[in-house]
Amino acid sequence: MNTRIMKPEFPFLRRLGHEFDWFFDRFGFDRPVFETPGMWAPYVEVYEKDNEFFVKAELPGLRKEDITVEISEGQLTIAGERKEEVEKKGKEVYRSERSYGAFLRTISLPDAVKIENAVASVKDGVLEVKMPITKFETTRRKLDIAEEAPVEKKAENAA
């Protein structure tokens, strides 16, 4: 499996793909609407647990050498290809629901994810990418609201 942090080549196209995924996920479509023959998209599960961010993808029948995992500009991209078995001597296929061809999935990552410590592994056809999350400490302060803008008062005093 190849894991690397990649340089942005076409950030607009990557962002557009993410926006389509987000839109269809938000309205309950569980598979890409624009799938074409020779292209498929694995099912993914994305969750946070114990200060770690997880992405799991179902990739049955693929070896780690067939999968590429890349992180760039706050997005995780999983790509690869499942090749169709060519030899069919003496075998008639009545029905096939298996998907073949190239795939590409892009998942947006939270800002708090530490990509330097990301690790990927594959077992029993499931790819797992795990990244620690740093918790940001936010400070809060309540502001008093004045009747007049403080800038205007300074301008009057200067005159």
Protein backbone atom coordinates (compact mmCIF):
# COMPACT_ATOMS: atom_id res chain seq x y z
CA MET A 1 0.00 0.00 0.00
CA ASN A 2 1.34 3.41 -0.89
CA THR A 3 0.76 6.08 1.74
CA ARG A 4 2.04 9.57 1.10
CA ILE A 5 1.21 13.20 1.52
CA MET A 6 0.66 14.54 -1.96
CA LYS A 7 1.08 17.94 -3.53
CA PRO A 8 -2.09 19.60 -4.78
CA GLU A 9 -2.30 19.14 -8.54
CA PHE A 10 -5.93 19.99 -9.26
CA PRO A 11 -7.41 21.23 -6.00
CA PHE A 12 -10.54 22.54 -7.71
CA LEU A 13 -11.41 19.13 -9.15
CA ARG A 14 -10.74 17.41 -5.83
CA ARG A 15 -12.95 19.96 -4.06
CA LEU A 16 -15.70 19.52 -6.66
CA GLY A 17 -15.68 15.75 -6.12
CA HIS A 18 -15.89 16.32 -2.37
CA GLU A 19 -18.82 18.69 -2.81
CA PHE A 20 -20.71 16.10 -4.89
CA ASP A 21 -20.03 13.42 -2.25
CA TRP A 22 -21.18 15.76 0.52
CA PHE A 23 -24.36 16.71 -1.34
CA PHE A 24 -25.43 13.16 -2.10
CA ASP A 25 -24.46 11.88 1.37
CA ARG A 26 -26.50 14.66 2.99
CA PHE A 27 -29.66 13.71 1.14
CA GLY A 28 -29.41 9.98 1.74
CA PHE A 29 -27.91 8.73 -1.50
CA ASP A 30 -25.55 5.97 -0.46
CA ARG A 31 -23.73 5.47 -3.77
CA PRO A 32 -22.38 7.89 -6.34
CA VAL A 33 -25.08 8.78 -8.87
CA PHE A 34 -22.59 9.35 -11.66
CA GLU A 35 -20.99 5.89 -11.63
CA THR A 36 -19.97 4.71 -15.07
CA PRO A 37 -18.97 1.26 -16.31
CA GLY A 38 -15.39 0.56 -15.32
CA MET A 39 -15.64 2.84 -12.29
CA TRP A 40 -16.95 2.09 -8.82
CA ALA A 41 -16.73 3.55 -5.35
CA PRO A 42 -16.12 1.53 -2.20
CA TYR A 43 -18.36 1.99 0.81
CA VAL A 44 -16.70 3.98 3.59
CA GLU A 45 -17.26 4.53 7.29
CA VAL A 46 -15.92 7.70 8.93
CA TYR A 47 -15.96 8.23 12.69
CA GLU A 48 -14.14 9.67 15.69
CA LYS A 49 -13.30 7.67 18.80
CA ASP A 50 -10.97 8.28 21.76
CA ASN A 51 -9.27 11.34 20.21
CA GLU A 52 -8.64 9.52 16.94
CA PHE A 53 -10.23 9.94 13.52
CA PHE A 54 -10.96 6.76 11.54
CA VAL A 55 -11.78 6.09 7.91
CA LYS A 56 -12.61 2.52 6.91
CA ALA A 57 -13.21 1.47 3.31
CA GLU A 58 -14.52 -1.85 2.02
CA LEU A 59 -12.08 -3.09 -0.63
CA PRO A 60 -12.74 -6.83 -0.99
CA GLY A 61 -10.38 -8.71 -3.26
CA LEU A 62 -7.74 -5.98 -3.34
CA ARG A 63 -4.19 -6.32 -2.09
CA LYS A 64 -2.33 -3.49 -0.41
CA GLU A 65 -0.30 -3.05 -3.61
CA ASP A 66 -3.55 -2.20 -5.47
CA ILE A 67 -4.43 0.69 -3.12
CA THR A 68 -3.06 4.23 -2.83
CA VAL A 69 -3.81 6.45 0.17
CA GLU A 70 -2.92 10.14 -0.01
CA ILE A 71 -3.52 13.19 2.19
CA SER A 72 -3.57 16.70 0.77
CA GLU A 73 -5.18 20.01 1.73
CA GLY A 74 -7.34 18.54 4.46
CA GLN A 75 -8.59 15.62 2.38
CA LEU A 76 -7.92 11.90 2.40
CA THR A 77 -7.99 10.24 -1.03
CA ILE A 78 -8.25 6.48 -1.47
CA ALA A 79 -7.67 5.21 -5.01
CA GLY A 80 -6.99 1.96 -6.78
CA GLU A 81 -8.29 -0.52 -9.31
CA ARG A 82 -9.98 -3.89 -9.23
CA LYS A 83 -9.24 -5.81 -12.42
CA GLU A 84 -11.75 -8.15 -14.01
CA GLU A 85 -10.83 -11.80 -14.22
CA VAL A 86 -10.23 -12.42 -17.92
CA GLU A 87 -10.23 -16.23 -18.13
CA LYS A 88 -13.76 -17.56 -18.61
CA LYS A 89 -13.14 -20.79 -20.53
CA GLY A 90 -16.26 -22.96 -20.53
CA LYS A 91 -18.04 -20.66 -18.07
CA GLU A 92 -21.30 -18.91 -18.91
CA VAL A 93 -22.10 -15.92 -16.74
CA TYR A 94 -25.81 -15.54 -16.06
CA ARG A 95 -25.49 -12.65 -13.66
CA SER A 96 -22.64 -10.58 -12.31
CA GLU A 97 -22.99 -7.88 -9.69
CA ARG A 98 -19.30 -7.49 -9.04
CA SER A 99 -17.73 -4.12 -9.75
CA TYR A 100 -14.48 -3.75 -11.62
CA GLY A 101 -12.32 -0.85 -12.67
CA ALA A 102 -10.72 2.17 -11.07
CA PHE A 103 -12.08 3.87 -7.97
CA LEU A 104 -11.43 7.12 -6.14
CA ARG A 105 -12.92 8.31 -2.85
CA THR A 106 -12.09 11.63 -1.22
CA ILE A 107 -13.03 12.33 2.38
CA SER A 108 -12.69 15.72 4.08
CA LEU A 109 -10.69 15.67 7.29
CA PRO A 110 -11.32 17.79 10.39
CA ASP A 111 -8.86 20.62 10.98
CA ALA A 112 -7.64 19.03 14.22
CA VAL A 113 -6.33 15.86 12.52
CA LYS A 114 -2.55 15.36 12.72
CA ILE A 115 -1.74 13.97 9.27
CA GLU A 116 1.93 13.50 10.18
CA ASN A 117 0.91 10.62 12.46
CA ALA A 118 -1.61 8.99 10.10
CA VAL A 119 -1.31 5.22 9.61
CA ALA A 120 -3.05 2.92 7.15
CA SER A 121 -3.57 -0.84 7.26
CA VAL A 122 -5.62 -3.40 5.37
CA LYS A 123 -7.06 -6.63 6.74
CA ASP A 124 -9.74 -8.94 5.33
CA GLY A 125 -10.60 -6.50 2.54
CA VAL A 126 -11.08 -3.50 4.84
CA LEU A 127 -8.71 -0.54 4.66
CA GLU A 128 -8.39 1.40 7.91
CA VAL A 129 -6.79 4.84 8.14
CA LYS A 130 -6.25 6.15 11.67
CA MET A 131 -5.17 9.69 12.60
CA PRO A 132 -4.84 11.30 16.03
CA ILE A 133 -6.90 14.41 16.74
CA THR A 134 -5.52 17.31 18.73
CA LYS A 135 -8.05 19.10 20.86
CA PHE A 136 -7.96 22.85 20.42
CA GLU A 137 -8.21 24.85 23.59
CA THR A 138 -10.58 27.70 22.97
CA THR A 139 -10.71 30.71 25.21
CA ARG A 140 -13.91 32.60 25.69
CA ARG A 141 -14.45 36.14 26.75
CA LYS A 142 -17.72 38.01 27.05
CA LEU A 143 -17.53 41.51 25.65
CA ASP A 144 -19.41 44.42 27.15
CA ILE A 145 -21.47 46.31 24.60
CA ALA A 146 -21.04 50.08 24.67
CA GLU A 147 -23.68 52.61 23.58
CA GLU A 148 -21.23 54.26 21.19
CA ALA A 149 -18.39 52.78 19.21
CA PRO A 150 -15.09 53.31 21.10
CA VAL A 151 -13.38 54.49 17.90
CA GLU A 152 -15.75 57.45 17.55
CA LYS A 153 -15.03 58.65 21.10
CA LYS A 154 -11.30 58.74 20.42
CA ALA A 155 -11.87 60.81 17.27
CA GLU A 156 -13.96 63.38 19.21
CA ASN A 157 -11.35 63.70 21.99
CA ALA A 158 -8.59 64.31 19.45
CA ALA A 159 -10.38 67.33 17.95
